[in-house]
Amino acid sequence: MQKERIIMGIDPGTQVMGYGILRVLDNKPSLLAMGIMQLAKYDDHYLKLAKIYARIIGLIDEFLPDEVAIEAPFFGKNVQSMLKLGRAQGVAMAAAISRDIPIVEYAPLKIKMAITGNGRASKEQVAYMLQKILYISDENMLPQLDASDGLAAALCHFYQSNVNTGATKYKDWKDFANRNSRKITGG
């Protein structure tokens, strides 16, 4: 009997929050959903946090994820921006905690490395690789890169958890690419 696993990935933000949800069946990930939440239209920071919490709860209740992978804030020079981003991340985490869902954090560099093999890859490169790896059609690929960043967090967690659980193991991205070259090249 095949065991289904749902992984939600979140790219927290105070202007745009991205998310992606993977369905893993027979150790094969596939896109279940991805999207964004536009927050720039709200002036009040606390209202943005309430909207993030409500949206994450709604997604959890709809898709029933087993785990949540969230992108950790990167360290920048603007302390106020960092504080706001940390609050957005904290609210998303609180939503998952309120539903007893395990949370794992990944640095942006680690996510990019897991998806592209290059920790300095552009958002566009990450989106392109996600489209190839998960067989996402052009019509289903959202133009907003925050959505693909959320999906990348989920796929990164899938790869990382496979390394630790005894499922199909990959030594690194190159090992995955070699074993799945048809999937990546589309051939």
Protein backbone atom coordinates (compact mmCIF):
# COMPACT_ATOMS: atom_id res chain seq x y z
CA MET A 1 0.00 0.00 0.00
CA GLN A 2 1.36 3.40 -0.98
CA LYS A 3 1.76 5.96 1.77
CA GLU A 4 0.82 9.53 0.90
CA ARG A 5 2.72 12.42 2.39
CA ILE A 6 1.90 16.12 2.00
CA ILE A 7 4.61 18.75 2.41
CA MET A 8 3.82 22.47 2.56
CA GLY A 9 6.59 24.93 1.75
CA ILE A 10 6.40 28.59 2.71
CA ASP A 11 8.37 31.60 1.54
CA PRO A 12 7.41 34.15 4.19
CA GLY A 13 7.15 37.80 3.35
CA THR A 14 5.44 40.98 4.42
CA GLN A 15 4.73 42.16 0.87
CA VAL A 16 4.20 38.78 -0.82
CA MET A 17 4.05 35.38 0.83
CA GLY A 18 4.60 32.35 -1.40
CA TYR A 19 3.59 28.77 -0.79
CA GLY A 20 3.84 25.42 -2.50
CA ILE A 21 2.33 22.08 -1.59
CA LEU A 22 3.73 18.74 -2.67
CA ARG A 23 2.02 15.40 -2.68
CA VAL A 24 4.46 12.53 -2.27
CA LEU A 25 3.17 9.13 -3.30
CA ASP A 26 5.42 6.09 -3.64
CA ASN A 27 8.35 8.42 -2.89
CA LYS A 28 7.55 10.57 -5.97
CA PRO A 29 6.77 14.25 -5.41
CA SER A 30 4.16 16.06 -7.49
CA LEU A 31 2.67 19.53 -7.40
CA LEU A 32 -0.57 19.75 -5.47
CA ALA A 33 -0.86 23.54 -5.26
CA MET A 34 1.14 26.74 -5.23
CA GLY A 35 0.30 30.36 -4.92
CA ILE A 36 0.96 33.70 -3.34
CA MET A 37 -0.69 36.04 -0.94
CA GLN A 38 -0.46 39.74 -1.83
CA LEU A 39 0.10 41.73 1.36
CA ALA A 40 1.39 45.06 0.01
CA LYS A 41 -2.18 46.39 -0.13
CA TYR A 42 -2.38 46.39 3.68
CA ASP A 43 -0.74 49.32 5.46
CA ASP A 44 -0.97 47.90 8.98
CA HIS A 45 1.82 45.41 9.73
CA TYR A 46 -0.28 43.62 12.36
CA LEU A 47 -3.13 43.20 9.89
CA LYS A 48 -0.64 41.59 7.48
CA LEU A 49 0.38 39.15 10.23
CA ALA A 50 -3.26 38.28 10.92
CA LYS A 51 -3.84 37.69 7.19
CA ILE A 52 -0.76 35.42 6.99
CA TYR A 53 -1.94 33.40 9.99
CA ALA A 54 -5.46 33.01 8.58
CA ARG A 55 -4.20 31.99 5.12
CA ILE A 56 -1.77 29.40 6.47
CA ILE A 57 -4.50 27.94 8.70
CA GLY A 58 -6.80 27.81 5.67
CA LEU A 59 -4.17 26.01 3.58
CA ILE A 60 -3.46 23.57 6.40
CA ASP A 61 -7.14 22.80 6.82
CA GLU A 62 -7.57 22.33 3.07
CA PHE A 63 -4.49 20.23 2.26
CA LEU A 64 -3.70 18.61 5.65
CA PRO A 65 0.10 18.70 5.34
CA ASP A 66 2.21 16.26 7.32
CA GLU A 67 5.13 18.68 7.50
CA VAL A 68 5.89 22.35 6.86
CA ALA A 69 9.18 23.56 5.38
CA ILE A 70 9.80 27.26 5.70
CA GLU A 71 12.50 29.45 4.25
CA ALA A 72 14.57 31.07 6.99
CA PRO A 73 15.06 34.81 6.73
CA PHE A 74 18.36 35.83 5.20
CA PHE A 75 20.42 38.37 7.06
CA GLY A 76 20.31 41.82 5.57
CA LYS A 77 21.45 45.26 6.57
CA ASN A 78 17.99 46.69 7.23
CA VAL A 79 17.10 45.68 10.79
CA GLN A 80 13.46 46.80 10.52
CA SER A 81 12.92 44.67 7.41
CA MET A 82 14.51 41.71 9.16
CA LEU A 83 12.23 42.13 12.17
CA LYS A 84 9.13 42.31 9.98
CA LEU A 85 10.18 39.27 7.97
CA GLY A 86 10.93 37.35 11.17
CA ARG A 87 7.46 38.18 12.47
CA ALA A 88 5.88 36.94 9.23
CA GLN A 89 7.85 33.71 9.51
CA GLY A 90 6.91 33.37 13.18
CA VAL A 91 3.20 33.79 12.45
CA ALA A 92 3.36 31.15 9.70
CA MET A 93 5.15 28.83 12.13
CA ALA A 94 2.57 29.53 14.84
CA ALA A 95 -0.19 28.49 12.45
CA ALA A 96 1.52 25.15 11.83
CA ILE A 97 2.23 24.69 15.54
CA SER A 98 -1.42 25.32 16.35
CA ARG A 99 -2.27 22.27 14.19
CA ASP A 100 0.60 20.13 15.60
CA ILE A 101 2.45 20.02 12.29
CA PRO A 102 6.24 19.61 12.42
CA ILE A 103 8.22 22.53 11.00
CA VAL A 104 11.67 22.54 9.43
CA GLU A 105 13.58 25.67 8.47
CA TYR A 106 15.95 25.89 5.52
CA ALA A 107 18.34 28.68 4.59
CA PRO A 108 17.78 30.14 1.10
CA LEU A 109 21.24 28.93 0.05
CA LYS A 110 20.41 25.34 1.08
CA ILE A 111 17.10 25.43 -0.81
CA LYS A 112 18.75 26.72 -3.98
CA MET A 113 21.50 24.12 -3.67
CA ALA A 114 18.95 21.32 -3.24
CA ILE A 115 16.95 22.35 -6.31
CA THR A 116 19.62 23.56 -8.74
CA GLY A 117 22.94 22.33 -7.38
CA ASN A 118 24.01 25.98 -7.03
CA GLY A 119 23.45 27.91 -3.79
CA ARG A 120 23.74 31.19 -5.69
CA ALA A 121 21.16 30.30 -8.35
CA SER A 122 18.68 32.95 -9.39
CA LYS A 123 14.98 32.69 -8.55
CA GLU A 124 14.34 32.11 -12.24
CA GLN A 125 16.75 29.16 -12.30
CA VAL A 126 15.02 27.65 -9.27
CA ALA A 127 11.61 28.05 -10.93
CA TYR A 128 12.89 26.48 -14.16
CA MET A 129 14.31 23.44 -12.34
CA LEU A 130 11.10 23.00 -10.34
CA GLN A 131 9.13 23.02 -13.57
CA LYS A 132 11.37 20.30 -15.04
CA ILE A 133 11.65 18.13 -11.91
CA LEU A 134 7.94 18.20 -11.08
CA TYR A 135 6.65 18.21 -14.68
CA ILE A 136 4.79 21.50 -14.22
CA SER A 137 3.27 22.74 -17.47
CA ASP A 138 3.79 26.34 -18.56
CA GLU A 139 0.09 27.02 -17.88
CA ASN A 140 0.39 25.82 -14.27
CA MET A 141 3.65 27.63 -13.55
CA LEU A 142 2.92 30.90 -11.78
CA PRO A 143 4.92 33.94 -12.86
CA GLN A 144 5.37 35.09 -9.25
CA LEU A 145 8.69 33.72 -8.03
CA ASP A 146 7.55 33.80 -4.39
CA ALA A 147 5.24 30.87 -5.23
CA SER A 148 8.08 28.84 -6.73
CA ASP A 149 10.27 29.74 -3.73
CA GLY A 150 7.65 28.26 -1.41
CA LEU A 151 7.47 25.15 -3.59
CA ALA A 152 11.28 24.94 -3.57
CA ALA A 153 11.26 24.86 0.26
CA ALA A 154 8.86 21.89 0.13
CA LEU A 155 10.96 20.01 -2.45
CA CYS A 156 14.15 20.74 -0.51
CA HIS A 157 12.52 19.18 2.54
CA PHE A 158 11.48 16.15 0.51
CA TYR A 159 15.11 15.64 -0.56
CA GLN A 160 16.49 16.25 2.93
CA SER A 161 14.00 13.96 4.65
CA ASN A 162 14.72 11.18 2.15
CA VAL A 163 18.38 11.34 3.09
CA ASN A 164 17.41 10.76 6.71
CA THR A 165 14.56 8.23 6.47
CA GLY A 166 15.92 5.35 4.47
CA ALA A 167 13.80 6.16 1.41
CA THR A 168 15.51 6.43 -1.97
CA LYS A 169 18.73 8.19 -1.07
CA TYR A 170 20.65 10.65 -3.15
CA LYS A 171 24.22 11.57 -2.27
CA ASP A 172 23.76 15.07 -3.62
CA TRP A 173 22.02 17.02 -6.36
CA LYS A 174 24.28 15.55 -9.05
CA ASP A 175 23.37 12.03 -7.93
CA PHE A 176 19.67 12.96 -8.20
CA ALA A 177 20.23 14.53 -11.62
CA ASN A 178 22.06 11.46 -12.91
CA ARG A 179 19.31 9.12 -11.76
CA ASN A 180 16.54 11.40 -13.07
CA SER A 181 18.12 12.87 -16.21
CA ARG A 182 15.01 12.21 -18.33
CA LYS A 183 12.88 14.13 -15.87
CA ILE A 184 15.24 17.12 -15.83
CA THR A 185 15.97 17.31 -19.55
CA GLY A 186 12.43 16.47 -20.59
CA GLY A 187 13.72 13.60 -22.74
